[in-house]
Amino acid sequence: MRSSGIEWPGGSTRNSAAACAQEASEPGTCVPGGLPILPESVAVLQSLRRASPIDLNEIVRAVRQDPGLLANILRILARLTGQRTNLYEAIIDIGVEGLRRLGSFMCCEPTQMNHVRAIARNSVFVAAACEQVALECGFLDSELAHSAGLLHDIGKLRFISACEVANTELWTSIEKQVYGAIGGELARVWGFPDELTEAIGLHANEHARKGHVLPTLVALAVRSNDCCAPGCATELDVETHALVRECALLTGVTPDRILELIRVAHSNWCLQTGTEVQV
């Protein structure tokens, strides 16, 4: 873990990042609007002061809990300094003022709150499960895997942020594959790293993700989370077991070990969120 205290000087890149953060949030600009972020993330970002030492770990923790915030940061950096997958480097590059402006402009609307929070909550588990398997695998970048899991549902966030009112019936009726395609296109347009774009865009497409390790891992984590939801059977179904076997072939981690890692991630997630343990 890097040092938790850091001071950022001003600079042209960081000034540009701050301006980009504001531009990304304003309707009617040439840049499509950003994604909504959680109120608790806003509180962290707005507490930043340029002249004071910054707790970098606190910012990283906020980003790792909020897919909208991570997506907005990666989007801004892709336009300014190139692609980033390392959170510490990304946060340092965007700078204090850029982060504060994101916190000022991108908080989710009250009508979106429940949906945005539910997406973030589920995405945190998917990210943790992906990270655990990647660490065991050895050849996958665990931070990249975590980001892929956290960002897998940004297509839903984009859809919700485009709606003037909450429409639960409409957005829950849309196929997951459609959300995956929306998210993948968003990631491509916003200049995300190719591995992230592929994972976001292909994870819900059974045929397109064949042979692609990160989309398959995300798909397994999503499916495992669905099966572990309150009220679901504790035994994994045929489709989930098939994903486990496919993931084992692609990663070299045994199926039993993959299931063990996912269960550990789910138990930790349940403790963190206060959810009843189902596995």
C-alpha atoms as a PDB file:
ATOM      1  CA  MET A   1       0.000   0.000   0.000  1.00  0.00           C
ATOM      2  CA  ARG A   2       1.401   3.379  -0.927  1.00  0.00           C
ATOM      3  CA  SER A   3       1.786   6.294   1.446  1.00  0.00           C
ATOM      4  CA  SER A   4      -1.568   7.583   2.661  1.00  0.00           C
ATOM      5  CA  GLY A   5      -0.462  11.224   2.771  1.00  0.00           C
ATOM      6  CA  ILE A   6       0.248  13.131  -0.424  1.00  0.00           C
ATOM      7  CA  GLU A   7       0.323  16.752  -1.524  1.00  0.00           C
ATOM      8  CA  TRP A   8      -0.384  17.674  -5.139  1.00  0.00           C
ATOM      9  CA  PRO A   9       1.028  20.824  -6.668  1.00  0.00           C
ATOM     10  CA  GLY A  10      -0.899  22.650  -9.339  1.00  0.00           C
ATOM     11  CA  GLY A  11      -0.164  21.982 -12.989  1.00  0.00           C
ATOM     12  CA  SER A  12      -1.554  22.251 -16.492  1.00  0.00           C
ATOM     13  CA  THR A  13      -2.639  18.599 -16.590  1.00  0.00           C
ATOM     14  CA  ARG A  14      -4.502  18.872 -13.320  1.00  0.00           C
ATOM     15  CA  ASN A  15      -6.078  22.178 -14.316  1.00  0.00           C
ATOM     16  CA  SER A  16      -7.233  20.563 -17.553  1.00  0.00           C
ATOM     17  CA  ALA A  17      -8.589  17.606 -15.586  1.00  0.00           C
ATOM     18  CA  ALA A  18     -10.596  19.937 -13.375  1.00  0.00           C
ATOM     19  CA  ALA A  19     -12.045  21.703 -16.406  1.00  0.00           C
ATOM     20  CA  CYS A  20     -12.785  18.365 -18.048  1.00  0.00           C
ATOM     21  CA  ALA A  21     -14.578  17.159 -14.920  1.00  0.00           C
ATOM     22  CA  GLN A  22     -16.870  20.166 -15.095  1.00  0.00           C
ATOM     23  CA  GLU A  23     -17.374  19.894 -18.862  1.00  0.00           C
ATOM     24  CA  ALA A  24     -18.220  16.203 -18.556  1.00  0.00           C
ATOM     25  CA  SER A  25     -21.047  17.018 -16.193  1.00  0.00           C
ATOM     26  CA  GLU A  26     -22.641  19.887 -18.059  1.00  0.00           C
ATOM     27  CA  PRO A  27     -25.510  19.162 -20.475  1.00  0.00           C
ATOM     28  CA  GLY A  28     -25.308  20.563 -23.958  1.00  0.00           C
ATOM     29  CA  THR A  29     -21.536  20.214 -24.348  1.00  0.00           C
ATOM     30  CA  CYS A  30     -19.856  18.161 -27.068  1.00  0.00           C
ATOM     31  CA  VAL A  31     -18.987  15.566 -24.453  1.00  0.00           C
ATOM     32  CA  PRO A  32     -21.730  13.130 -23.403  1.00  0.00           C
ATOM     33  CA  GLY A  33     -22.706  13.423 -19.735  1.00  0.00           C
ATOM     34  CA  GLY A  34     -20.847  11.436 -17.122  1.00  0.00           C
ATOM     35  CA  LEU A  35     -22.217   8.778 -14.812  1.00  0.00           C
ATOM     36  CA  PRO A  36     -23.846   9.450 -11.435  1.00  0.00           C
ATOM     37  CA  ILE A  37     -21.818   8.829  -8.294  1.00  0.00           C
ATOM     38  CA  LEU A  38     -22.881   7.986  -4.759  1.00  0.00           C
ATOM     39  CA  PRO A  39     -23.445  10.649  -2.070  1.00  0.00           C
ATOM     40  CA  GLU A  40     -20.782   9.096   0.161  1.00  0.00           C
ATOM     41  CA  SER A  41     -18.265   9.440  -2.673  1.00  0.00           C
ATOM     42  CA  VAL A  42     -19.304  13.073  -3.073  1.00  0.00           C
ATOM     43  CA  ALA A  43     -18.634  13.632   0.631  1.00  0.00           C
ATOM     44  CA  VAL A  44     -15.105  12.231   0.293  1.00  0.00           C
ATOM     45  CA  LEU A  45     -14.316  14.289  -2.806  1.00  0.00           C
ATOM     46  CA  GLN A  46     -15.704  17.547  -1.480  1.00  0.00           C
ATOM     47  CA  SER A  47     -13.684  17.196   1.725  1.00  0.00           C
ATOM     48  CA  LEU A  48     -10.430  17.478  -0.228  1.00  0.00           C
ATOM     49  CA  ARG A  49      -8.351  20.590   0.305  1.00  0.00           C
ATOM     50  CA  ARG A  50      -5.517  21.454  -2.040  1.00  0.00           C
ATOM     51  CA  ALA A  51      -3.192  22.789   0.675  1.00  0.00           C
ATOM     52  CA  SER A  52      -3.588  19.821   3.021  1.00  0.00           C
ATOM     53  CA  PRO A  53      -2.065  16.343   2.913  1.00  0.00           C
ATOM     54  CA  ILE A  54      -4.492  14.001   1.185  1.00  0.00           C
ATOM     55  CA  ASP A  55      -5.387  10.530   2.420  1.00  0.00           C
ATOM     56  CA  LEU A  56      -4.902   8.750  -0.880  1.00  0.00           C
ATOM     57  CA  ASN A  57      -6.075   5.432   0.550  1.00  0.00           C
ATOM     58  CA  GLU A  58      -9.400   6.969   1.558  1.00  0.00           C
ATOM     59  CA  ILE A  59      -9.960   8.184  -2.002  1.00  0.00           C
ATOM     60  CA  VAL A  60      -9.016   4.777  -3.406  1.00  0.00           C
ATOM     61  CA  ARG A  61     -11.493   3.110  -1.041  1.00  0.00           C
ATOM     62  CA  ALA A  62     -14.246   5.425  -2.270  1.00  0.00           C
ATOM     63  CA  VAL A  63     -13.408   4.737  -5.929  1.00  0.00           C
ATOM     64  CA  ARG A  64     -13.367   0.967  -5.341  1.00  0.00           C
ATOM     65  CA  GLN A  65     -16.930   1.193  -3.995  1.00  0.00           C
ATOM     66  CA  ASP A  66     -18.402   3.371  -6.744  1.00  0.00           C
ATOM     67  CA  PRO A  67     -18.501   2.325 -10.424  1.00  0.00           C
ATOM     68  CA  GLY A  68     -19.735   5.730 -11.570  1.00  0.00           C
ATOM     69  CA  LEU A  69     -16.818   7.495  -9.926  1.00  0.00           C
ATOM     70  CA  LEU A  70     -14.237   5.108 -11.385  1.00  0.00           C
ATOM     71  CA  ALA A  71     -15.771   5.429 -14.863  1.00  0.00           C
ATOM     72  CA  ASN A  72     -15.725   9.234 -14.711  1.00  0.00           C
ATOM     73  CA  ILE A  73     -12.075   9.266 -13.595  1.00  0.00           C
ATOM     74  CA  LEU A  74     -10.940   6.877 -16.339  1.00  0.00           C
ATOM     75  CA  ARG A  75     -12.888   8.827 -18.925  1.00  0.00           C
ATOM     76  CA  ILE A  76     -11.283  12.144 -18.014  1.00  0.00           C
ATOM     77  CA  LEU A  77      -7.783  10.681 -17.919  1.00  0.00           C
ATOM     78  CA  ALA A  78      -8.209   8.968 -21.293  1.00  0.00           C
ATOM     79  CA  ARG A  79      -8.812  12.390 -22.836  1.00  0.00           C
ATOM     80  CA  LEU A  80      -5.912  14.062 -21.071  1.00  0.00           C
ATOM     81  CA  THR A  81      -3.041  11.729 -20.294  1.00  0.00           C
ATOM     82  CA  GLY A  82      -3.845   8.346 -21.823  1.00  0.00           C
ATOM     83  CA  GLN A  83      -5.282   5.136 -20.428  1.00  0.00           C
ATOM     84  CA  ARG A  84      -4.856   4.137 -16.794  1.00  0.00           C
ATOM     85  CA  THR A  85      -5.711   0.958 -14.890  1.00  0.00           C
ATOM     86  CA  ASN A  86      -3.747   1.700 -11.694  1.00  0.00           C
ATOM     87  CA  LEU A  87      -6.012   3.587  -9.302  1.00  0.00           C
ATOM     88  CA  TYR A  88      -3.238   5.389  -7.455  1.00  0.00           C
ATOM     89  CA  GLU A  89      -1.746   6.710 -10.699  1.00  0.00           C
ATOM     90  CA  ALA A  90      -5.198   7.669 -11.990  1.00  0.00           C
ATOM     91  CA  ILE A  91      -6.127   9.594  -8.861  1.00  0.00           C
ATOM     92  CA  ILE A  92      -2.798  11.412  -8.721  1.00  0.00           C
ATOM     93  CA  ASP A  93      -3.081  12.338 -12.413  1.00  0.00           C
ATOM     94  CA  ILE A  94      -6.545  13.809 -12.092  1.00  0.00           C
ATOM     95  CA  GLY A  95      -5.559  15.877  -9.068  1.00  0.00           C
ATOM     96  CA  VAL A  96      -7.456  17.365  -6.153  1.00  0.00           C
ATOM     97  CA  GLU A  97      -9.369  20.014  -8.075  1.00  0.00           C
ATOM     98  CA  GLY A  98     -10.540  17.555 -10.710  1.00  0.00           C
ATOM     99  CA  LEU A  99     -11.804  15.197  -8.018  1.00  0.00           C
ATOM    100  CA  ARG A 100     -13.546  17.995  -6.118  1.00  0.00           C
ATOM    101  CA  ARG A 101     -15.356  19.124  -9.253  1.00  0.00           C
ATOM    102  CA  LEU A 102     -16.518  15.599  -9.940  1.00  0.00           C
ATOM    103  CA  GLY A 103     -17.944  15.585  -6.425  1.00  0.00           C
ATOM    104  CA  SER A 104     -19.658  18.911  -7.070  1.00  0.00           C
ATOM    105  CA  PHE A 105     -21.333  18.033 -10.354  1.00  0.00           C
ATOM    106  CA  MET A 106     -21.900  14.300 -10.612  1.00  0.00           C
ATOM    107  CA  CYS A 107     -23.947  13.265  -7.550  1.00  0.00           C
ATOM    108  CA  CYS A 108     -26.864  11.036  -8.509  1.00  0.00           C
ATOM    109  CA  GLU A 109     -30.350  12.534  -8.449  1.00  0.00           C
ATOM    110  CA  PRO A 110     -32.674  11.546  -5.577  1.00  0.00           C
ATOM    111  CA  THR A 111     -34.939   9.712  -8.034  1.00  0.00           C
ATOM    112  CA  GLN A 112     -31.954   7.632  -9.196  1.00  0.00           C
ATOM    113  CA  MET A 113     -30.561   6.930  -5.744  1.00  0.00           C
ATOM    114  CA  ASN A 114     -31.962   3.452  -5.073  1.00  0.00           C
ATOM    115  CA  HIS A 115     -31.038   2.129  -8.507  1.00  0.00           C
ATOM    116  CA  VAL A 116     -27.537   3.632  -8.474  1.00  0.00           C
ATOM    117  CA  ARG A 117     -26.892   2.310  -4.984  1.00  0.00           C
ATOM    118  CA  ALA A 118     -28.140  -1.196  -5.911  1.00  0.00           C
ATOM    119  CA  ILE A 119     -25.889  -1.292  -8.978  1.00  0.00           C
ATOM    120  CA  ALA A 120     -22.880  -0.133  -6.974  1.00  0.00           C
ATOM    121  CA  ARG A 121     -23.603  -2.608  -4.188  1.00  0.00           C
ATOM    122  CA  ASN A 122     -23.768  -5.607  -6.542  1.00  0.00           C
ATOM    123  CA  SER A 123     -20.795  -4.403  -8.564  1.00  0.00           C
ATOM    124  CA  VAL A 124     -18.631  -4.314  -5.427  1.00  0.00           C
ATOM    125  CA  PHE A 125     -19.173  -8.054  -4.986  1.00  0.00           C
ATOM    126  CA  VAL A 126     -18.496  -8.809  -8.659  1.00  0.00           C
ATOM    127  CA  ALA A 127     -15.289  -6.777  -8.435  1.00  0.00           C
ATOM    128  CA  ALA A 128     -14.147  -8.570  -5.267  1.00  0.00           C
ATOM    129  CA  ALA A 129     -14.824 -12.011  -6.749  1.00  0.00           C
ATOM    130  CA  CYS A 130     -12.932 -11.151  -9.939  1.00  0.00           C
ATOM    131  CA  GLU A 131     -10.016  -9.800  -7.936  1.00  0.00           C
ATOM    132  CA  GLN A 132      -9.796 -12.936  -5.763  1.00  0.00           C
ATOM    133  CA  VAL A 133      -9.665 -15.303  -8.744  1.00  0.00           C
ATOM    134  CA  ALA A 134      -7.178 -13.067 -10.576  1.00  0.00           C
ATOM    135  CA  LEU A 135      -4.841 -13.095  -7.576  1.00  0.00           C
ATOM    136  CA  GLU A 136      -4.969 -16.905  -7.546  1.00  0.00           C
ATOM    137  CA  CYS A 137      -4.520 -17.129 -11.309  1.00  0.00           C
ATOM    138  CA  GLY A 138      -1.199 -15.303 -11.403  1.00  0.00           C
ATOM    139  CA  PHE A 139      -1.205 -14.040 -14.988  1.00  0.00           C
ATOM    140  CA  LEU A 140      -4.225 -11.719 -14.639  1.00  0.00           C
ATOM    141  CA  ASP A 141      -3.786  -8.188 -13.322  1.00  0.00           C
ATOM    142  CA  SER A 142      -5.866  -8.267 -10.130  1.00  0.00           C
ATOM    143  CA  GLU A 143      -6.514  -4.513 -10.167  1.00  0.00           C
ATOM    144  CA  LEU A 144      -7.662  -4.694 -13.775  1.00  0.00           C
ATOM    145  CA  ALA A 145      -9.945  -7.606 -12.852  1.00  0.00           C
ATOM    146  CA  HIS A 146     -11.385  -5.610  -9.942  1.00  0.00           C
ATOM    147  CA  SER A 147     -12.054  -2.621 -12.209  1.00  0.00           C
ATOM    148  CA  ALA A 148     -13.707  -4.861 -14.811  1.00  0.00           C
ATOM    149  CA  GLY A 149     -16.050  -6.251 -12.170  1.00  0.00           C
ATOM    150  CA  LEU A 150     -16.823  -2.834 -10.736  1.00  0.00           C
ATOM    151  CA  LEU A 151     -17.542  -1.336 -14.169  1.00  0.00           C
ATOM    152  CA  HIS A 152     -19.459  -4.252 -15.709  1.00  0.00           C
ATOM    153  CA  ASP A 153     -22.854  -2.548 -15.242  1.00  0.00           C
ATOM    154  CA  ILE A 154     -22.024   0.989 -16.387  1.00  0.00           C
ATOM    155  CA  GLY A 155     -24.498   0.432 -19.236  1.00  0.00           C
ATOM    156  CA  LYS A 156     -27.237   0.375 -16.591  1.00  0.00           C
ATOM    157  CA  LEU A 157     -25.854   3.502 -14.958  1.00  0.00           C
ATOM    158  CA  ARG A 158     -25.856   5.272 -18.313  1.00  0.00           C
ATOM    159  CA  PHE A 159     -29.449   4.260 -18.959  1.00  0.00           C
ATOM    160  CA  ILE A 160     -30.585   5.390 -15.514  1.00  0.00           C
ATOM    161  CA  SER A 161     -28.762   8.717 -15.755  1.00  0.00           C
ATOM    162  CA  ALA A 162     -30.491   9.395 -19.086  1.00  0.00           C
ATOM    163  CA  CYS A 163     -33.957   8.895 -17.572  1.00  0.00           C
ATOM    164  CA  GLU A 164     -35.645  11.941 -16.133  1.00  0.00           C
ATOM    165  CA  VAL A 165     -37.665   9.773 -13.754  1.00  0.00           C
ATOM    166  CA  ALA A 166     -37.020   6.383 -12.215  1.00  0.00           C
ATOM    167  CA  ASN A 167     -38.619   3.680 -14.344  1.00  0.00           C
ATOM    168  CA  THR A 168     -37.990   0.407 -12.550  1.00  0.00           C
ATOM    169  CA  GLU A 169     -40.227  -1.661 -14.819  1.00  0.00           C
ATOM    170  CA  LEU A 170     -38.507  -0.425 -17.960  1.00  0.00           C
ATOM    171  CA  TRP A 171     -34.880  -0.764 -16.919  1.00  0.00           C
ATOM    172  CA  THR A 172     -35.307  -4.158 -15.250  1.00  0.00           C
ATOM    173  CA  SER A 173     -37.022  -5.544 -18.363  1.00  0.00           C
ATOM    174  CA  ILE A 174     -34.081  -4.805 -20.667  1.00  0.00           C
ATOM    175  CA  GLU A 175     -31.863  -7.801 -21.386  1.00  0.00           C
ATOM    176  CA  LYS A 176     -28.477  -7.926 -19.654  1.00  0.00           C
ATOM    177  CA  GLN A 177     -26.811  -8.396 -23.019  1.00  0.00           C
ATOM    178  CA  VAL A 178     -28.160  -4.998 -24.103  1.00  0.00           C
ATOM    179  CA  TYR A 179     -26.740  -3.321 -21.018  1.00  0.00           C
ATOM    180  CA  GLY A 180     -23.418  -5.032 -21.671  1.00  0.00           C
ATOM    181  CA  ALA A 181     -23.365  -3.707 -25.238  1.00  0.00           C
ATOM    182  CA  ILE A 182     -24.253  -0.192 -24.052  1.00  0.00           C
ATOM    183  CA  GLY A 183     -21.515  -0.317 -21.431  1.00  0.00           C
ATOM    184  CA  GLY A 184     -18.961  -1.665 -23.887  1.00  0.00           C
ATOM    185  CA  GLU A 185     -19.700   1.076 -26.398  1.00  0.00           C
ATOM    186  CA  LEU A 186     -19.521   3.681 -23.648  1.00  0.00           C
ATOM    187  CA  ALA A 187     -16.138   2.319 -22.565  1.00  0.00           C
ATOM    188  CA  ARG A 188     -14.896   2.362 -26.166  1.00  0.00           C
ATOM    189  CA  VAL A 189     -16.025   5.937 -26.822  1.00  0.00           C
ATOM    190  CA  TRP A 190     -14.610   7.122 -23.514  1.00  0.00           C
ATOM    191  CA  GLY A 191     -11.213   5.572 -24.255  1.00  0.00           C
ATOM    192  CA  PHE A 192     -11.042   2.906 -21.570  1.00  0.00           C
ATOM    193  CA  PRO A 193      -8.231   0.311 -21.865  1.00  0.00           C
ATOM    194  CA  ASP A 194      -9.093  -2.415 -24.365  1.00  0.00           C
ATOM    195  CA  GLU A 195      -9.220  -5.152 -21.707  1.00  0.00           C
ATOM    196  CA  LEU A 196     -11.807  -3.215 -19.693  1.00  0.00           C
ATOM    197  CA  THR A 197     -13.863  -2.393 -22.770  1.00  0.00           C
ATOM    198  CA  GLU A 198     -13.887  -6.063 -23.785  1.00  0.00           C
ATOM    199  CA  ALA A 199     -14.882  -7.263 -20.303  1.00  0.00           C
ATOM    200  CA  ILE A 200     -17.706  -4.724 -20.018  1.00  0.00           C
ATOM    201  CA  GLY A 201     -19.022  -5.284 -23.521  1.00  0.00           C
ATOM    202  CA  LEU A 202     -18.769  -9.071 -23.789  1.00  0.00           C
ATOM    203  CA  HIS A 203     -19.443 -10.443 -20.310  1.00  0.00           C
ATOM    204  CA  ALA A 204     -23.215 -10.793 -20.882  1.00  0.00           C
ATOM    205  CA  ASN A 205     -22.858 -12.252 -24.396  1.00  0.00           C
ATOM    206  CA  GLU A 206     -22.384 -15.998 -24.045  1.00  0.00           C
ATOM    207  CA  HIS A 207     -21.099 -16.556 -27.583  1.00  0.00           C
ATOM    208  CA  ALA A 208     -18.915 -13.458 -27.937  1.00  0.00           C
ATOM    209  CA  ARG A 209     -17.073 -13.974 -24.645  1.00  0.00           C
ATOM    210  CA  LYS A 210     -15.977 -17.563 -25.473  1.00  0.00           C
ATOM    211  CA  GLY A 211     -12.235 -17.886 -24.981  1.00  0.00           C
ATOM    212  CA  HIS A 212     -11.889 -14.443 -23.383  1.00  0.00           C
ATOM    213  CA  VAL A 213     -10.746 -14.821 -19.804  1.00  0.00           C
ATOM    214  CA  LEU A 214     -11.742 -11.482 -18.236  1.00  0.00           C
ATOM    215  CA  PRO A 215     -15.287 -11.319 -19.713  1.00  0.00           C
ATOM    216  CA  THR A 216     -15.815 -14.951 -18.637  1.00  0.00           C
ATOM    217  CA  LEU A 217     -14.594 -14.221 -15.118  1.00  0.00           C
ATOM    218  CA  VAL A 218     -16.939 -11.216 -14.859  1.00  0.00           C
ATOM    219  CA  ALA A 219     -19.825 -13.318 -16.177  1.00  0.00           C
ATOM    220  CA  LEU A 220     -19.153 -15.966 -13.543  1.00  0.00           C
ATOM    221  CA  ALA A 221     -19.016 -13.406 -10.735  1.00  0.00           C
ATOM    222  CA  VAL A 222     -22.278 -11.821 -11.918  1.00  0.00           C
ATOM    223  CA  ARG A 223     -23.961 -15.212 -12.181  1.00  0.00           C
ATOM    224  CA  SER A 224     -22.684 -16.262  -8.755  1.00  0.00           C
ATOM    225  CA  ASN A 225     -24.029 -13.080  -7.225  1.00  0.00           C
ATOM    226  CA  ASP A 226     -27.433 -13.679  -8.822  1.00  0.00           C
ATOM    227  CA  CYS A 227     -27.495 -17.231  -7.440  1.00  0.00           C
ATOM    228  CA  CYS A 228     -26.464 -16.035  -3.979  1.00  0.00           C
ATOM    229  CA  ALA A 229     -29.181 -13.382  -3.722  1.00  0.00           C
ATOM    230  CA  PRO A 230     -31.606 -13.678  -0.773  1.00  0.00           C
ATOM    231  CA  GLY A 231     -34.342 -16.189  -1.562  1.00  0.00           C
ATOM    232  CA  CYS A 232     -32.293 -18.134  -4.113  1.00  0.00           C
ATOM    233  CA  ALA A 233     -31.265 -21.759  -3.703  1.00  0.00           C
ATOM    234  CA  THR A 234     -27.880 -22.293  -2.068  1.00  0.00           C
ATOM    235  CA  GLU A 235     -26.825 -24.815  -4.745  1.00  0.00           C
ATOM    236  CA  LEU A 236     -25.354 -23.334  -7.905  1.00  0.00           C
ATOM    237  CA  ASP A 237     -27.253 -24.144 -11.080  1.00  0.00           C
ATOM    238  CA  VAL A 238     -26.059 -25.845 -14.272  1.00  0.00           C
ATOM    239  CA  GLU A 239     -25.262 -22.587 -16.057  1.00  0.00           C
ATOM    240  CA  THR A 240     -23.107 -21.370 -13.182  1.00  0.00           C
ATOM    241  CA  HIS A 241     -21.213 -24.665 -12.972  1.00  0.00           C
ATOM    242  CA  ALA A 242     -20.570 -24.449 -16.722  1.00  0.00           C
ATOM    243  CA  LEU A 243     -19.106 -20.976 -16.234  1.00  0.00           C
ATOM    244  CA  VAL A 244     -16.934 -22.281 -13.389  1.00  0.00           C
ATOM    245  CA  ARG A 245     -15.518 -25.012 -15.647  1.00  0.00           C
ATOM    246  CA  GLU A 246     -14.902 -22.549 -18.482  1.00  0.00           C
ATOM    247  CA  CYS A 247     -13.217 -20.107 -16.119  1.00  0.00           C
ATOM    248  CA  ALA A 248     -11.049 -22.925 -14.744  1.00  0.00           C
ATOM    249  CA  LEU A 249      -9.855 -23.815 -18.249  1.00  0.00           C
ATOM    250  CA  LEU A 250      -8.983 -20.188 -19.010  1.00  0.00           C
ATOM    251  CA  THR A 251      -7.286 -19.355 -15.715  1.00  0.00           C
ATOM    252  CA  GLY A 252      -5.708 -22.634 -14.663  1.00  0.00           C
ATOM    253  CA  VAL A 253      -7.395 -22.409 -11.250  1.00  0.00           C
ATOM    254  CA  THR A 254      -9.323 -25.541 -10.265  1.00  0.00           C
ATOM    255  CA  PRO A 255     -13.144 -25.355 -10.224  1.00  0.00           C
ATOM    256  CA  ASP A 256     -13.282 -26.130  -6.498  1.00  0.00           C
ATOM    257  CA  ARG A 257     -10.791 -23.376  -5.736  1.00  0.00           C
ATOM    258  CA  ILE A 258     -12.711 -20.865  -7.883  1.00  0.00           C
ATOM    259  CA  LEU A 259     -15.906 -21.654  -5.992  1.00  0.00           C
ATOM    260  CA  GLU A 260     -14.073 -21.327  -2.691  1.00  0.00           C
ATOM    261  CA  LEU A 261     -12.693 -17.912  -3.664  1.00  0.00           C
ATOM    262  CA  ILE A 262     -16.106 -16.701  -4.792  1.00  0.00           C
ATOM    263  CA  ARG A 263     -17.689 -17.859  -1.536  1.00  0.00           C
ATOM    264  CA  VAL A 264     -15.028 -16.033   0.458  1.00  0.00           C
ATOM    265  CA  ALA A 265     -15.647 -12.882  -1.572  1.00  0.00           C
ATOM    266  CA  HIS A 266     -19.397 -13.238  -1.075  1.00  0.00           C
ATOM    267  CA  SER A 267     -19.095 -13.782   2.675  1.00  0.00           C
ATOM    268  CA  ASN A 268     -16.888 -10.699   3.002  1.00  0.00           C
ATOM    269  CA  TRP A 269     -19.342  -8.715   0.886  1.00  0.00           C
ATOM    270  CA  CYS A 270     -22.240  -9.844   3.084  1.00  0.00           C
ATOM    271  CA  LEU A 271     -20.403  -8.696   6.196  1.00  0.00           C
ATOM    272  CA  GLN A 272     -19.616  -5.370   4.576  1.00  0.00           C
ATOM    273  CA  THR A 273     -23.148  -4.714   3.348  1.00  0.00           C
ATOM    274  CA  GLY A 274     -25.153  -6.433   6.080  1.00  0.00           C
ATOM    275  CA  THR A 275     -26.623  -8.930   3.614  1.00  0.00           C
ATOM    276  CA  GLU A 276     -27.752 -12.374   4.747  1.00  0.00           C
ATOM    277  CA  VAL A 277     -25.214 -15.021   3.770  1.00  0.00           C
ATOM    278  CA  GLN A 278     -26.659 -17.509   1.252  1.00  0.00           C
ATOM    279  CA  VAL A 279     -23.628 -19.675   0.477  1.00  0.00           C
END
